[in-house]
Structure formats: C-alpha cells, structure tokens
C-alpha cells in the first residue's frame, strides 16, 4: 500500500474547508459558462491528488476521468506527475494546481496573477475552485485511506487512530462553520485569494 505524501493538521483542514466552500460558486459558475470542461476539471483534480498522494481520491477521480473521456495513459501519467498528455491550453492551470497543493494552499502572488493573465479572472477563479474542492477531498481522503490501511493491517507510520478518526469526524463541525465563515467573508468582499506574508 502506498501512503499519502502529506498529512494535514486539524487547523490546516479547517482552512482547506473554508477556502473550498468560499470557491465552490466559482467552480460551478465556470462549468456553467463552459470555461472548464469536465476533462479539464479532472486533470486539475488528478494533479492535486498526485501531489498530496490521496489514495481514496486517486481511485475516485480516476473513475471520473475515465467517464469524462480521458485515456488510461493520460490518467496514469498525471498520477505520476507527468504532464506530457495535458493539452497545451491547460498546462498553466495544472501547474498552478500542483503548486497550490505543494505549498499547502499558499500559492505565490506571481502564480495567481499568471493564472489570471492566461485564463482571465472568471476562469482562473473556477480553476481555483476546482483545486480547492479536491483539497477538501484530499484532506478527508488521506485520513480515510490511512484508516482503511490500518484496518487491513498496514498502518501509515506517520498517522494514528486518533488522527484518522478526528479528521474523518471534523467534517461534521467544519462544514457548517466554514459555510458561515465563507458567507461572512463574501459579504465583507474579502479577497478570494490571500497570500502569506
């Protein structure tokens, strides 16, 4: 069994949920406006999942990518970090997605501005929504994968039963809290992307 490349703290998980909720409307809007095709979204999600190493999300999004029309070879390559099959028009977004995951949700201002320059504000916010949505899945899926491995006799040495159970249960508290927090931020017109100081 392959272990996740990253584990997130409870504090990080809250911010992942908040940012995911905050950006969901942008993903939905970009899809409705046909700025992001199903294949494009799956490439983004597979790229983030590859960086984080979430087994549950790799399995689920491989299925979704196949259903969206992606080839097995392309999916395998993206899950190996190889972007040779990614259409040229989507490479900048996939690279941003990898960068976002690699920096634990703290992209550089330059990377964000480049994304906006390449795709325009609306599509860039949709791409950000896709990245943040899969980060929510990864934060939860990494714990789920670790717990499944533990129950099968192959525990992740960096994890514990307490961590796995808490990370699986926090969705019950974090989802309503993050919806309220994101709503307040929206009313206050807080920036959709904030950069580490």
Protein backbone atom coordinates (compact mmCIF):
# COMPACT_ATOMS: atom_id res chain seq x y z
CA UNK A 1 0.00 0.00 0.00
CA UNK A 2 1.22 3.48 -0.85
CA UNK A 3 0.96 6.05 1.94
CA UNK A 4 -0.16 9.63 1.42
CA UNK A 5 2.61 12.09 0.68
CA UNK A 6 1.09 14.69 3.00
CA UNK A 7 -0.97 14.80 6.16
CA UNK A 8 -2.83 17.94 7.19
CA UNK A 9 -3.26 19.28 10.71
CA UNK A 10 -6.71 20.00 12.08
CA UNK A 11 -6.02 23.73 11.72
CA UNK A 12 -4.96 23.29 8.09
CA UNK A 13 -8.05 21.17 7.45
CA UNK A 14 -10.32 23.97 8.66
CA UNK A 15 -8.74 26.46 6.25
CA UNK A 16 -8.94 23.91 3.44
CA UNK A 17 -12.69 23.53 4.11
CA UNK A 18 -13.23 27.29 4.37
CA UNK A 19 -11.38 28.00 1.12
CA UNK A 20 -13.20 25.16 -0.61
CA UNK A 21 -16.60 26.49 0.41
CA UNK A 22 -15.54 30.01 -0.48
CA UNK A 23 -14.54 29.00 -4.03
CA UNK A 24 -17.27 26.47 -4.86
CA UNK A 25 -19.53 29.04 -6.55
CA UNK A 26 -16.67 29.98 -8.88
CA UNK A 27 -16.16 26.37 -9.95
CA UNK A 28 -19.88 25.92 -10.54
CA UNK A 29 -20.09 29.18 -12.49
CA UNK A 30 -17.07 28.39 -14.67
CA UNK A 31 -18.54 25.00 -15.53
CA UNK A 32 -21.92 26.53 -16.38
CA UNK A 33 -20.21 29.07 -18.65
CA UNK A 34 -18.25 26.22 -20.29
CA UNK A 35 -14.94 27.81 -19.25
CA UNK A 36 -13.90 24.48 -17.73
CA UNK A 37 -14.73 21.16 -19.39
CA UNK A 38 -15.17 18.00 -17.29
CA UNK A 39 -11.81 16.74 -18.59
CA UNK A 40 -10.09 20.00 -17.62
CA UNK A 41 -11.51 19.79 -14.09
CA UNK A 42 -10.41 16.16 -13.75
CA UNK A 43 -6.87 16.99 -14.90
CA UNK A 44 -6.70 19.63 -12.17
CA UNK A 45 -8.08 17.26 -9.55
CA UNK A 46 -5.75 14.42 -10.53
CA UNK A 47 -2.75 16.78 -10.43
CA UNK A 48 -3.58 17.93 -6.89
CA UNK A 49 -4.24 14.37 -5.79
CA UNK A 50 -0.85 13.31 -7.18
CA UNK A 51 0.92 15.97 -5.10
CA UNK A 52 -0.97 15.03 -1.93
CA UNK A 53 -0.93 11.27 -2.56
CA UNK A 54 -4.53 10.63 -1.54
CA UNK A 55 -5.41 7.01 -2.35
CA UNK A 56 -9.18 7.46 -1.98
CA UNK A 57 -9.22 10.48 -4.30
CA UNK A 58 -6.90 8.80 -6.83
CA UNK A 59 -9.38 5.94 -7.10
CA UNK A 60 -12.49 8.15 -7.29
CA UNK A 61 -11.07 10.67 -9.75
CA UNK A 62 -9.56 8.01 -11.98
CA UNK A 63 -13.10 6.68 -12.43
CA UNK A 64 -14.47 10.20 -13.05
CA UNK A 65 -11.67 11.00 -15.51
CA UNK A 66 -12.35 7.82 -17.48
CA UNK A 67 -16.05 8.70 -17.57
CA UNK A 68 -15.14 12.22 -18.77
CA UNK A 69 -13.28 10.67 -21.72
CA UNK A 70 -9.64 10.81 -20.62
CA UNK A 71 -7.39 7.92 -21.63
CA UNK A 72 -5.91 5.49 -19.13
CA UNK A 73 -2.41 6.53 -20.22
CA UNK A 74 -3.07 10.22 -19.56
CA UNK A 75 -4.58 9.47 -16.15
CA UNK A 76 -1.64 7.25 -15.23
CA UNK A 77 0.80 9.94 -16.34
CA UNK A 78 -0.86 12.72 -14.35
CA UNK A 79 -0.95 10.49 -11.26
CA UNK A 80 2.80 10.00 -11.80
CA UNK A 81 3.42 13.74 -12.14
CA UNK A 82 3.97 13.56 -15.91
CA UNK A 83 2.08 16.21 -17.88
CA UNK A 84 3.03 15.16 -21.43
CA UNK A 85 -0.58 14.40 -22.40
CA UNK A 86 -2.12 17.55 -20.91
CA UNK A 87 -3.36 19.89 -23.68
CA UNK A 88 -1.14 22.96 -24.05
CA UNK A 89 -4.10 25.21 -23.22
CA UNK A 90 -4.45 23.55 -19.80
CA UNK A 91 -0.81 23.17 -18.73
CA UNK A 92 -0.67 26.52 -16.87
CA UNK A 93 -3.73 25.54 -14.81
CA UNK A 94 -2.40 22.09 -13.98
CA UNK A 95 0.96 23.56 -12.96
CA UNK A 96 -0.85 26.09 -10.74
CA UNK A 97 -2.85 23.22 -9.20
CA UNK A 98 0.35 21.33 -8.40
CA UNK A 99 1.92 24.49 -6.95
CA UNK A 100 -1.16 25.20 -4.82
CA UNK A 101 -1.10 21.68 -3.36
CA UNK A 102 2.68 21.68 -2.94
CA UNK A 103 2.51 24.93 -0.93
CA UNK A 104 -0.33 23.55 1.23
CA UNK A 105 -2.79 26.11 -0.14
CA UNK A 106 -0.46 29.09 -0.06
CA UNK A 107 0.33 29.97 -3.68
CA UNK A 108 2.65 32.82 -4.55
CA UNK A 109 1.11 36.07 -5.81
CA UNK A 110 3.03 35.60 -9.06
CA UNK A 111 1.50 32.17 -9.69
CA UNK A 112 -2.02 33.50 -9.12
CA UNK A 113 -1.52 36.56 -11.32
CA UNK A 114 -0.10 34.37 -14.09
CA UNK A 115 -3.20 32.14 -13.89
CA UNK A 116 -5.44 35.21 -14.22
CA UNK A 117 -3.34 36.51 -17.12
CA UNK A 118 -3.58 33.21 -19.00
CA UNK A 119 -7.26 32.37 -18.40
CA UNK A 120 -8.96 35.59 -17.31
CA UNK A 121 -10.38 36.27 -13.86
CA UNK A 122 -13.57 34.22 -14.19
CA UNK A 123 -11.92 31.02 -15.46
CA UNK A 124 -8.99 31.44 -13.02
CA UNK A 125 -11.44 31.60 -10.12
CA UNK A 126 -13.13 28.46 -11.48
CA UNK A 127 -9.74 26.71 -11.65
CA UNK A 128 -9.07 27.81 -8.07
CA UNK A 129 -12.46 26.38 -7.10
CA UNK A 130 -11.54 23.01 -8.65
CA UNK A 131 -8.18 22.99 -6.86
CA UNK A 132 -9.74 23.86 -3.53
CA UNK A 133 -12.56 21.32 -3.94
CA UNK A 134 -10.10 18.46 -4.39
CA UNK A 135 -8.00 19.76 -1.49
CA UNK A 136 -11.12 19.28 0.70
CA UNK A 137 -11.43 15.75 -0.65
CA UNK A 138 -7.74 15.05 -0.11
CA UNK A 139 -7.72 16.32 3.49
CA UNK A 140 -10.58 13.93 4.26
CA UNK A 141 -9.49 11.13 1.91
CA UNK A 142 -5.96 10.91 3.28
CA UNK A 143 -7.35 10.12 6.74
CA UNK A 144 -9.85 7.67 5.27
CA UNK A 145 -7.13 5.88 3.28
CA UNK A 146 -4.91 5.70 6.38
CA UNK A 147 -7.73 4.24 8.48
CA UNK A 148 -8.55 1.65 5.81
CA UNK A 149 -4.88 0.69 5.67
CA UNK A 150 -4.78 0.38 9.46
CA UNK A 151 -7.84 -1.86 9.48
CA UNK A 152 -6.15 -4.07 6.84
CA UNK A 153 -3.01 -4.34 9.00
CA UNK A 154 -0.89 -1.79 7.14
CA UNK A 155 -0.93 1.43 9.20
CA UNK A 156 0.74 4.61 7.99
CA UNK A 157 3.62 5.12 10.47
CA UNK A 158 3.08 8.91 10.40
CA UNK A 159 -0.55 8.58 11.45
CA UNK A 160 -2.53 7.42 14.46
CA UNK A 161 -6.03 6.09 15.04
CA UNK A 162 -6.90 9.31 16.88
CA UNK A 163 -5.75 11.47 13.96
CA UNK A 164 -7.65 9.39 11.43
CA UNK A 165 -10.91 9.36 13.39
CA UNK A 166 -10.74 13.08 14.26
CA UNK A 167 -10.00 14.05 10.66
CA UNK A 168 -12.97 11.97 9.49
CA UNK A 169 -15.32 13.47 12.08
CA UNK A 170 -14.30 17.11 11.80
CA UNK A 171 -16.31 17.44 8.61
CA UNK A 172 -19.41 17.48 10.83
CA UNK A 173 -18.17 20.59 12.65
CA UNK A 174 -16.09 22.21 9.94
CA UNK A 175 -18.65 22.19 7.16
CA UNK A 176 -21.26 24.38 8.90
CA UNK A 177 -18.59 26.60 10.47
CA UNK A 178 -16.82 27.11 7.15
CA UNK A 179 -20.12 27.87 5.35
CA UNK A 180 -20.85 30.64 7.87
CA UNK A 181 -17.27 31.93 7.76
CA UNK A 182 -17.22 31.91 3.94
CA UNK A 183 -20.59 33.69 3.82
CA UNK A 184 -19.34 36.44 6.11
CA UNK A 185 -16.17 36.79 4.01
CA UNK A 186 -18.33 37.07 0.89
CA UNK A 187 -20.49 39.78 2.42
CA UNK A 188 -17.36 41.66 3.51
CA UNK A 189 -15.98 41.22 -0.06
CA UNK A 190 -12.77 39.70 1.27
CA UNK A 191 -10.31 38.73 -1.48
CA UNK A 192 -10.80 35.21 -2.82
CA UNK A 193 -7.04 34.64 -2.62
CA UNK A 194 -4.86 35.85 0.22
CA UNK A 195 -1.12 35.46 0.20
CA UNK A 196 1.18 34.54 3.08
CA UNK A 197 3.11 37.49 4.44
